[in-house]
Amino acid sequence: MPTNRSNARAMLTLPEVCDELHVSRSTFYDWRQKGRAPRCIKLPNGDLRVRRGDLDHWLNELEDAA
């Protein structure tokens, strides 16, 4: 059974996602506004997180579309 610690590691911060995708934060927010970004979780403090699985799925969908 996964622990909270492993769940936390499965969620990426916005800087981690932007770094992995080699895009700026403003580009990510632009994609998000246009509905082109991976699914995000908005925390109560306003920070965004992206599940590793959602990011991988999103990337796979882009590969299929290419």
Protein backbone atom coordinates (compact mmCIF):
# COMPACT_ATOMS: atom_id res chain seq x y z
CA MET A 1 0.00 0.00 0.00
CA PRO A 2 1.50 3.40 -0.97
CA THR A 3 2.43 5.75 1.82
CA ASN A 4 1.89 9.49 1.97
CA ARG A 5 5.60 9.89 1.34
CA SER A 6 5.48 7.91 -1.92
CA ASN A 7 2.33 9.83 -2.96
CA ALA A 8 4.14 13.11 -2.33
CA ARG A 9 7.03 12.00 -4.53
CA ALA A 10 4.60 11.07 -7.29
CA MET A 11 3.44 14.71 -7.39
CA LEU A 12 5.70 17.22 -9.10
CA THR A 13 5.97 20.90 -8.30
CA LEU A 14 5.49 23.43 -11.07
CA PRO A 15 9.24 24.25 -11.20
CA GLU A 16 10.00 20.52 -11.55
CA VAL A 17 7.50 20.16 -14.40
CA CYS A 18 8.77 23.28 -16.19
CA ASP A 19 12.35 22.09 -15.81
CA GLU A 20 11.53 18.67 -17.21
CA LEU A 21 9.65 20.17 -20.16
CA HIS A 22 12.26 22.92 -20.70
CA VAL A 23 9.62 25.66 -20.66
CA SER A 24 9.16 28.80 -18.61
CA ARG A 25 6.52 29.12 -15.93
CA SER A 26 4.70 31.70 -18.07
CA THR A 27 4.57 29.23 -20.99
CA PHE A 28 3.12 26.57 -18.70
CA TYR A 29 0.46 28.99 -17.44
CA ASP A 30 -0.34 29.94 -21.04
CA TRP A 31 -0.81 26.25 -21.92
CA ARG A 32 -2.96 25.82 -18.81
CA GLN A 33 -5.17 28.78 -19.74
CA LYS A 34 -5.64 27.35 -23.23
CA GLY A 35 -6.40 23.84 -21.90
CA ARG A 36 -3.19 22.39 -23.36
CA ALA A 37 -1.31 21.60 -20.14
CA PRO A 38 -1.30 18.33 -18.21
CA ARG A 39 -3.89 17.94 -15.46
CA CYS A 40 -2.99 19.89 -12.34
CA ILE A 41 -3.96 19.75 -8.70
CA LYS A 42 -4.43 23.12 -7.04
CA LEU A 43 -3.50 22.96 -3.37
CA PRO A 44 -5.30 25.05 -0.72
CA ASN A 45 -2.35 27.47 -0.68
CA GLY A 46 -2.70 28.02 -4.45
CA ASP A 47 0.37 26.00 -5.46
CA LEU A 48 0.01 23.60 -8.36
CA ARG A 49 1.11 19.99 -8.45
CA VAL A 50 1.15 17.54 -11.34
CA ARG A 51 0.93 13.81 -10.77
CA ARG A 52 3.78 11.94 -12.45
CA GLY A 53 1.24 9.65 -14.13
CA ASP A 54 -0.73 12.61 -15.52
CA LEU A 55 2.43 14.18 -16.95
CA ASP A 56 3.51 10.89 -18.53
CA HIS A 57 0.01 10.36 -19.99
CA TRP A 58 -0.04 13.91 -21.37
CA LEU A 59 3.37 13.41 -23.00
CA ASN A 60 2.24 10.11 -24.52
CA GLU A 61 -0.83 11.80 -25.99
CA LEU A 62 1.41 14.44 -27.59
CA GLU A 63 3.57 11.71 -29.08
CA ASP A 64 0.54 10.01 -30.63
CA ALA A 65 -0.61 13.32 -32.12
CA ALA A 66 2.75 14.04 -33.76
